[in-house]
Amino acid sequence: MQWHKKINKRKMPWKGEKDPYKVWLSEIILQQTRVEQGWNYYERFIEKYPTVQHLAKAKDEDVFKLWEGLGYYNRCKNLLFTARFISKELKGKFPHNYDEIILLKGIGPYTAAAISSFAFNLPYAVVDGNVFRVLSRVFGIETATDSNRGKKEFTKLADEVLDRKEAGAYNQAIMDFGATVCKPVAPTCSNCILQKICVAFKEGKVNLLPFKEKVLQKKHRWFYYFLMEHDGKILVHKRNQKDIWENLFEFYLLESSEQIKWNNELAHQWLSQQFSLRDADVVSISAVLVQQLTHQKITGQFIKMKLKKVPSSLQQYQWQPIKKLKWLAFPKFINQFLEKESI
């Protein structure tokens, strides 16, 4: 705590915030997102939706557009649901205790503990990757942090060392300490105030801890998007399936389990077989693009085509004027292409 009060210089716009709405918003944004990336999103959300009531009244499309680029769009869907639940069912008042907070959609033990401690100074330990790392090294714990046993062990230890009188400040302190001193790579052990009691430092295990038992194999998917243009409009639709990028817009998608080497002849052949359209121009075929998600690798291309006839079998799609595409919420993979092409 002394380090936090006298030395810790880490600044974040939500740091020290007591408004439960703003704490909740920051925590949802920061799930699976780096602080540096989440910072600007948080500020834009607060500027446009300063209270939970403002967010509850917002249109889905506007909120998803503002969220664009953060990924894990189910977070945004839950954010809207919970804001409307609080506004309507709880009369705009955010719950003031852990047991009620954790019942809200999209909120698990970590987020409930964060809101409880930061907004209301309730004695709940927040255990994130930074906390796992600090505790693992200081106490020399070799239990895998991603195992069920490890999660229970570290949560219990975090609760035992928690400063119950200043829970919010303590939680912020240990997280900041892990992010700036006890870092994953190149920790500053020489200047660490915990060096004398750190088991990992004494035993030369700093770079070995914490342990993890799971190595996730990434799923590789191939996405081929067809930008079908007709009369100044392009075919789009909203992804509604339970998958990545849910509720975001996309162009006509052909997903493959392996790479397809596209050329003009193959694109014409596909269009003819798929829609019985033989009279179309292939404008361009993009270079191969790649996006790395946490558990998936998306590789693909964009094929731009000008149609002289409209396909009749695409009721779930809609024609959008090209100039209005910028107002639709697309996944980052598509947005990067649109920006590069100045569309």
Protein backbone atom coordinates (compact mmCIF):
# COMPACT_ATOMS: atom_id res chain seq x y z
CA MET A 1 0.00 0.00 0.00
CA GLN A 2 2.90 2.36 0.70
CA TRP A 3 4.26 1.66 -2.78
CA HIS A 4 0.82 2.41 -4.23
CA LYS A 5 0.44 5.70 -2.37
CA LYS A 6 3.98 7.04 -2.81
CA ILE A 7 5.52 5.45 -5.91
CA ASN A 8 2.80 4.06 -8.20
CA LYS A 9 2.47 6.46 -11.13
CA ARG A 10 0.27 4.34 -13.38
CA LYS A 11 -2.57 6.46 -14.72
CA MET A 12 -5.88 5.28 -16.17
CA PRO A 13 -9.12 7.28 -16.67
CA TRP A 14 -11.17 4.89 -14.49
CA LYS A 15 -8.61 4.69 -11.67
CA GLY A 16 -10.11 5.85 -8.37
CA GLU A 17 -13.60 5.92 -9.90
CA LYS A 18 -16.45 5.31 -7.44
CA ASP A 19 -19.39 5.42 -9.84
CA PRO A 20 -20.43 1.74 -10.21
CA TYR A 21 -21.62 2.34 -13.78
CA LYS A 22 -18.21 3.65 -14.85
CA VAL A 23 -16.36 0.90 -12.96
CA TRP A 24 -18.57 -1.73 -14.59
CA LEU A 25 -18.09 -0.20 -18.04
CA SER A 26 -14.31 -0.13 -17.65
CA GLU A 27 -14.20 -3.74 -16.47
CA ILE A 28 -16.33 -5.00 -19.36
CA ILE A 29 -14.19 -3.11 -21.88
CA LEU A 30 -10.98 -4.46 -20.33
CA GLN A 31 -12.06 -8.11 -20.55
CA GLN A 32 -9.71 -9.67 -23.14
CA THR A 33 -8.46 -6.15 -24.00
CA ARG A 34 -5.19 -4.37 -23.23
CA VAL A 35 -5.40 -1.22 -21.10
CA GLU A 36 -3.81 0.86 -23.86
CA GLN A 37 -6.50 -0.20 -26.32
CA GLY A 38 -9.40 0.04 -23.87
CA TRP A 39 -8.49 3.56 -22.70
CA ASN A 40 -9.87 5.41 -25.75
CA TYR A 41 -12.96 3.20 -25.95
CA TYR A 42 -13.80 3.92 -22.32
CA GLU A 43 -13.49 7.67 -22.83
CA ARG A 44 -15.65 7.59 -25.97
CA PHE A 45 -18.34 5.54 -24.20
CA ILE A 46 -18.42 7.86 -21.19
CA GLU A 47 -18.62 10.91 -23.44
CA LYS A 48 -21.54 9.50 -25.44
CA TYR A 49 -23.26 7.53 -22.64
CA PRO A 50 -22.35 9.24 -19.32
CA THR A 51 -24.89 7.26 -17.26
CA VAL A 52 -26.46 3.82 -17.33
CA GLN A 53 -29.75 5.45 -18.40
CA HIS A 54 -28.08 6.99 -21.45
CA LEU A 55 -26.68 3.61 -22.45
CA ALA A 56 -30.01 1.88 -21.84
CA LYS A 57 -31.76 4.24 -24.28
CA ALA A 58 -29.15 3.84 -27.02
CA LYS A 59 -29.81 2.03 -30.28
CA ASP A 60 -28.11 -1.34 -30.65
CA GLU A 61 -26.48 -0.30 -33.92
CA ASP A 62 -24.96 2.85 -32.39
CA VAL A 63 -23.45 0.97 -29.44
CA PHE A 64 -22.04 -1.82 -31.61
CA LYS A 65 -20.52 0.80 -33.91
CA LEU A 66 -18.83 2.46 -30.94
CA TRP A 67 -17.61 -0.96 -29.74
CA GLU A 68 -16.21 -1.77 -33.19
CA GLY A 69 -12.64 -3.08 -33.02
CA LEU A 70 -12.77 -4.37 -29.44
CA GLY A 71 -13.81 -7.88 -30.39
CA TYR A 72 -15.70 -10.39 -28.23
CA TYR A 73 -18.96 -8.70 -29.21
CA ASN A 74 -21.01 -10.79 -26.80
CA ARG A 75 -19.64 -8.43 -24.14
CA CYS A 76 -21.34 -5.54 -25.91
CA LYS A 77 -24.59 -7.46 -26.22
CA ASN A 78 -24.56 -8.22 -22.48
CA LEU A 79 -23.60 -4.61 -21.72
CA LEU A 80 -26.75 -3.35 -23.42
CA PHE A 81 -28.96 -6.02 -21.83
CA THR A 82 -27.68 -5.23 -18.33
CA ALA A 83 -27.93 -1.45 -18.80
CA ARG A 84 -31.58 -1.82 -19.82
CA PHE A 85 -32.26 -4.22 -16.96
CA ILE A 86 -30.80 -1.77 -14.42
CA SER A 87 -32.67 1.15 -15.97
CA LYS A 88 -36.04 -0.59 -16.14
CA GLU A 89 -36.11 -3.25 -13.41
CA LEU A 90 -33.84 -1.54 -10.85
CA LYS A 91 -35.01 2.00 -11.63
CA GLY A 92 -31.55 3.07 -12.74
CA LYS A 93 -29.85 2.13 -9.47
CA PHE A 94 -26.80 -0.12 -9.68
CA PRO A 95 -26.79 -2.93 -7.05
CA HIS A 96 -24.64 -2.11 -4.00
CA ASN A 97 -23.56 -5.60 -2.91
CA TYR A 98 -21.62 -8.49 -4.42
CA ASP A 99 -24.45 -11.06 -4.28
CA GLU A 100 -26.74 -8.84 -6.36
CA ILE A 101 -24.03 -7.56 -8.70
CA ILE A 102 -22.94 -11.07 -9.72
CA LEU A 103 -26.50 -11.89 -10.82
CA LEU A 104 -26.32 -9.29 -13.59
CA LYS A 105 -25.84 -10.69 -17.09
CA GLY A 106 -22.24 -10.70 -18.30
CA ILE A 107 -20.79 -10.32 -14.81
CA GLY A 108 -18.74 -13.12 -13.25
CA PRO A 109 -16.83 -13.39 -9.95
CA TYR A 110 -13.91 -11.23 -11.13
CA THR A 111 -16.04 -8.33 -12.41
CA ALA A 112 -18.38 -8.52 -9.40
CA ALA A 113 -15.38 -8.33 -7.05
CA ALA A 114 -13.95 -5.38 -9.00
CA ILE A 115 -17.19 -3.39 -8.87
CA SER A 116 -17.76 -4.26 -5.20
CA SER A 117 -14.28 -3.20 -4.12
CA PHE A 118 -13.64 -0.21 -6.40
CA ALA A 119 -17.09 1.39 -6.22
CA PHE A 120 -18.16 0.41 -2.70
CA ASN A 121 -14.87 -0.58 -0.98
CA LEU A 122 -16.31 -3.97 -0.07
CA PRO A 123 -13.72 -6.62 0.98
CA TYR A 124 -13.54 -8.73 -2.18
CA ALA A 125 -10.20 -9.64 -3.74
CA VAL A 126 -9.78 -9.09 -7.47
CA VAL A 127 -7.71 -11.84 -9.07
CA ASP A 128 -6.49 -11.16 -12.61
CA GLY A 129 -3.35 -12.19 -14.51
CA ASN A 130 -1.26 -9.57 -12.71
CA VAL A 131 -2.42 -10.78 -9.30
CA PHE A 132 -1.81 -14.43 -10.22
CA ARG A 133 1.75 -13.53 -11.22
CA VAL A 134 2.60 -11.50 -8.10
CA LEU A 135 1.20 -14.10 -5.71
CA SER A 136 2.77 -17.01 -7.57
CA ARG A 137 6.24 -15.44 -7.47
CA VAL A 138 6.17 -13.93 -3.99
CA PHE A 139 4.85 -17.11 -2.35
CA GLY A 140 6.60 -19.52 -4.74
CA ILE A 141 3.38 -21.28 -5.73
CA GLU A 142 3.83 -23.75 -8.59
CA THR A 143 0.18 -24.73 -8.98
CA ALA A 144 -1.00 -23.93 -12.52
CA THR A 145 -2.98 -20.69 -12.46
CA ASP A 146 -5.39 -21.94 -15.14
CA SER A 147 -6.28 -25.17 -13.31
CA ASN A 148 -9.38 -25.47 -11.10
CA ARG A 149 -7.14 -26.18 -8.12
CA GLY A 150 -4.98 -23.17 -8.93
CA LYS A 151 -7.91 -20.78 -9.29
CA LYS A 152 -9.24 -21.84 -5.87
CA GLU A 153 -5.80 -21.68 -4.24
CA PHE A 154 -4.93 -18.23 -5.58
CA THR A 155 -8.40 -16.81 -4.88
CA LYS A 156 -8.16 -18.01 -1.27
CA LEU A 157 -4.67 -16.53 -0.88
CA ALA A 158 -5.71 -13.23 -2.47
CA ASP A 159 -8.55 -12.99 0.04
CA GLU A 160 -6.18 -13.74 2.94
CA VAL A 161 -3.72 -10.96 2.05
CA LEU A 162 -6.41 -8.42 1.12
CA ASP A 163 -6.42 -5.13 3.05
CA ARG A 164 -10.05 -5.28 4.14
CA LYS A 165 -10.21 -1.64 5.20
CA GLU A 166 -8.95 -0.35 1.85
CA ALA A 167 -10.01 -3.16 -0.46
CA GLY A 168 -10.39 -1.03 -3.59
CA ALA A 169 -7.03 0.69 -3.21
CA TYR A 170 -5.30 -2.60 -2.38
CA ASN A 171 -6.76 -4.38 -5.41
CA GLN A 172 -5.63 -1.53 -7.65
CA ALA A 173 -2.19 -1.55 -6.02
CA ILE A 174 -1.46 -5.25 -6.55
CA MET A 175 -2.72 -5.15 -10.15
CA ASP A 176 -0.60 -2.09 -10.93
CA PHE A 177 2.39 -3.70 -9.22
CA GLY A 178 2.04 -6.74 -11.45
CA ALA A 179 1.68 -4.59 -14.56
CA THR A 180 4.63 -2.26 -13.90
CA VAL A 181 7.11 -4.08 -11.61
CA CYS A 182 6.38 -7.82 -11.47
CA LYS A 183 5.90 -7.96 -15.24
CA PRO A 184 5.56 -11.15 -17.32
CA VAL A 185 8.81 -10.41 -19.15
CA ALA A 186 11.81 -8.53 -17.73
CA PRO A 187 10.41 -7.81 -14.23
CA THR A 188 12.36 -5.14 -12.33
CA CYS A 189 13.43 -7.39 -9.47
CA SER A 190 16.43 -5.19 -8.61
CA ASN A 191 14.11 -2.36 -7.52
CA CYS A 192 11.30 -4.53 -6.15
CA ILE A 193 10.13 -3.71 -2.63
CA LEU A 194 9.12 -7.37 -2.18
CA GLN A 195 12.51 -8.78 -3.16
CA LYS A 196 13.46 -9.82 0.38
CA ILE A 197 10.35 -11.98 0.83
CA CYS A 198 9.96 -13.17 -2.78
CA VAL A 199 10.40 -16.95 -2.94
CA ALA A 200 10.76 -16.99 -6.73
CA PHE A 201 13.60 -14.43 -6.55
CA LYS A 202 15.44 -16.38 -3.85
CA GLU A 203 15.11 -19.66 -5.77
CA GLY A 204 15.81 -18.22 -9.22
CA LYS A 205 12.34 -19.07 -10.54
CA VAL A 206 11.07 -15.60 -11.47
CA ASN A 207 11.03 -16.38 -15.19
CA LEU A 208 9.38 -19.78 -14.60
CA LEU A 209 6.40 -18.59 -12.58
CA PRO A 210 3.47 -18.58 -12.83
CA PHE A 211 2.85 -22.00 -14.33
CA LYS A 212 0.06 -22.72 -16.81
CA GLU A 213 -1.09 -26.18 -17.81
CA LYS A 214 -3.13 -25.48 -20.93
CA VAL A 215 -1.70 -24.62 -24.31
CA LEU A 216 -4.64 -23.79 -26.55
CA GLN A 217 -4.48 -24.89 -30.17
CA LYS A 218 -5.77 -22.12 -32.40
CA LYS A 219 -8.52 -22.92 -34.87
CA HIS A 220 -7.65 -21.84 -38.41
CA ARG A 221 -10.52 -20.52 -40.55
CA TRP A 222 -10.54 -19.21 -44.12
CA PHE A 223 -12.97 -16.36 -44.86
CA TYR A 224 -13.59 -15.22 -48.43
CA TYR A 225 -15.75 -12.12 -48.70
CA PHE A 226 -17.51 -11.13 -51.92
CA LEU A 227 -18.23 -7.44 -52.29
CA MET A 228 -21.09 -7.68 -54.78
CA GLU A 229 -21.85 -4.23 -56.13
CA HIS A 230 -24.94 -3.31 -58.14
CA ASP A 231 -26.17 0.18 -58.95
CA GLY A 232 -23.92 1.84 -56.33
CA LYS A 233 -24.96 -0.55 -53.56
CA ILE A 234 -23.23 -3.53 -51.90
CA LEU A 235 -24.76 -6.66 -50.43
CA VAL A 236 -24.40 -6.95 -46.61
CA HIS A 237 -26.02 -8.79 -43.73
CA LYS A 238 -25.74 -9.00 -39.94
CA ARG A 239 -24.08 -12.04 -38.36
CA ASN A 240 -26.68 -13.58 -36.04
CA GLN A 241 -25.20 -17.01 -35.36
CA LYS A 242 -23.44 -17.86 -32.09
CA ASP A 243 -19.95 -17.27 -33.37
CA ILE A 244 -17.28 -14.59 -33.54
CA TRP A 245 -18.47 -11.12 -34.56
CA GLU A 246 -22.09 -11.75 -33.58
CA ASN A 247 -24.38 -8.79 -34.43
CA LEU A 248 -21.78 -7.20 -36.72
CA PHE A 249 -22.22 -6.66 -40.43
CA GLU A 250 -20.32 -8.52 -43.13
CA PHE A 251 -20.37 -9.03 -46.90
CA TYR A 252 -21.33 -12.28 -48.59
CA LEU A 253 -19.12 -14.89 -46.94
CA LEU A 254 -17.74 -18.14 -48.25
CA GLU A 255 -15.99 -19.96 -45.40
CA SER A 256 -13.61 -22.77 -46.24
CA SER A 257 -11.65 -25.31 -44.20
CA GLU A 258 -8.64 -24.74 -46.43
CA GLN A 259 -7.09 -22.09 -48.64
CA ILE A 260 -8.64 -21.31 -52.03
CA LYS A 261 -6.36 -19.73 -54.63
CA TRP A 262 -8.67 -17.24 -56.27
CA ASN A 263 -8.33 -15.81 -59.76
CA ASN A 264 -10.80 -14.16 -62.14
CA GLU A 265 -11.77 -17.41 -63.82
CA LEU A 266 -12.47 -19.20 -60.53
CA ALA A 267 -14.47 -16.21 -59.20
CA HIS A 268 -16.65 -16.23 -62.34
CA GLN A 269 -17.11 -19.98 -62.06
CA TRP A 270 -18.16 -19.70 -58.40
CA LEU A 271 -20.67 -16.91 -59.18
CA SER A 272 -22.18 -18.95 -61.99
CA GLN A 273 -22.51 -22.10 -59.89
CA GLN A 274 -23.77 -20.30 -56.79
CA PHE A 275 -26.26 -17.85 -58.31
CA SER A 276 -26.49 -18.77 -62.02
CA LEU A 277 -24.98 -15.37 -62.82
CA ARG A 278 -22.67 -15.28 -65.80
CA ASP A 279 -22.62 -11.59 -66.59
CA ALA A 280 -20.44 -9.90 -63.96
CA ASP A 281 -17.09 -8.15 -63.73
CA VAL A 282 -14.40 -9.15 -61.26
CA VAL A 283 -12.99 -5.78 -60.22
CA SER A 284 -10.23 -6.96 -57.90
CA ILE A 285 -9.03 -9.78 -55.67
CA SER A 286 -7.22 -8.62 -52.54
CA ALA A 287 -3.99 -9.93 -51.12
CA VAL A 288 -4.30 -12.59 -48.40
CA LEU A 289 -5.13 -10.95 -45.05
CA VAL A 290 -4.67 -12.42 -41.58
CA GLN A 291 -6.13 -11.60 -38.17
CA GLN A 292 -5.06 -13.38 -34.99
CA LEU A 293 -7.84 -13.79 -32.42
CA THR A 294 -7.31 -15.32 -28.99
CA HIS A 295 -8.40 -18.81 -30.00
CA GLN A 296 -8.69 -18.50 -33.76
CA LYS A 297 -6.67 -17.46 -36.78
CA ILE A 298 -8.70 -15.84 -39.55
CA THR A 299 -7.15 -15.81 -43.02
CA GLY A 300 -8.94 -14.61 -46.10
CA GLN A 301 -9.44 -12.38 -49.10
CA PHE A 302 -11.91 -9.89 -50.52
CA ILE A 303 -13.25 -10.32 -54.05
CA LYS A 304 -14.89 -7.19 -55.50
CA MET A 305 -17.46 -7.83 -58.23
CA LYS A 306 -19.83 -5.64 -60.23
CA LEU A 307 -23.11 -7.37 -60.99
CA LYS A 308 -25.36 -6.53 -63.92
CA LYS A 309 -28.15 -8.65 -62.46
CA VAL A 310 -29.28 -9.08 -58.83
CA PRO A 311 -29.27 -12.61 -57.31
CA SER A 312 -32.77 -13.68 -56.26
CA SER A 313 -31.84 -16.10 -53.46
CA LEU A 314 -30.42 -13.74 -50.82
CA GLN A 315 -33.44 -12.65 -48.77
CA GLN A 316 -31.42 -12.44 -45.55
CA TYR A 317 -29.08 -9.91 -47.14
CA GLN A 318 -29.68 -6.21 -47.79
CA TRP A 319 -28.37 -3.73 -50.33
CA GLN A 320 -26.58 -0.79 -48.71
CA PRO A 321 -25.31 2.32 -50.54
CA ILE A 322 -21.50 2.28 -50.61
CA LYS A 323 -21.35 5.73 -49.01
CA LYS A 324 -23.31 4.44 -45.99
CA LEU A 325 -21.03 1.49 -45.23
CA LYS A 326 -18.98 3.66 -42.86
CA TRP A 327 -21.98 3.88 -40.51
CA LEU A 328 -22.28 0.11 -40.14
CA ALA A 329 -20.43 -1.87 -37.49
CA PHE A 330 -18.03 -4.30 -39.16
CA PRO A 331 -15.45 -6.60 -37.54
CA LYS A 332 -11.85 -5.39 -37.54
CA PHE A 333 -10.91 -7.89 -40.26
CA ILE A 334 -13.31 -6.19 -42.70
CA ASN A 335 -12.69 -2.65 -41.46
CA GLN A 336 -8.97 -2.90 -42.17
CA PHE A 337 -9.74 -3.79 -45.77
CA LEU A 338 -12.30 -0.99 -46.15
CA GLU A 339 -9.88 1.59 -44.76
CA LYS A 340 -7.09 0.40 -47.04
CA GLU A 341 -9.40 0.61 -50.05
CA SER A 342 -10.85 3.97 -48.85
CA ILE A 343 -14.37 2.59 -49.04
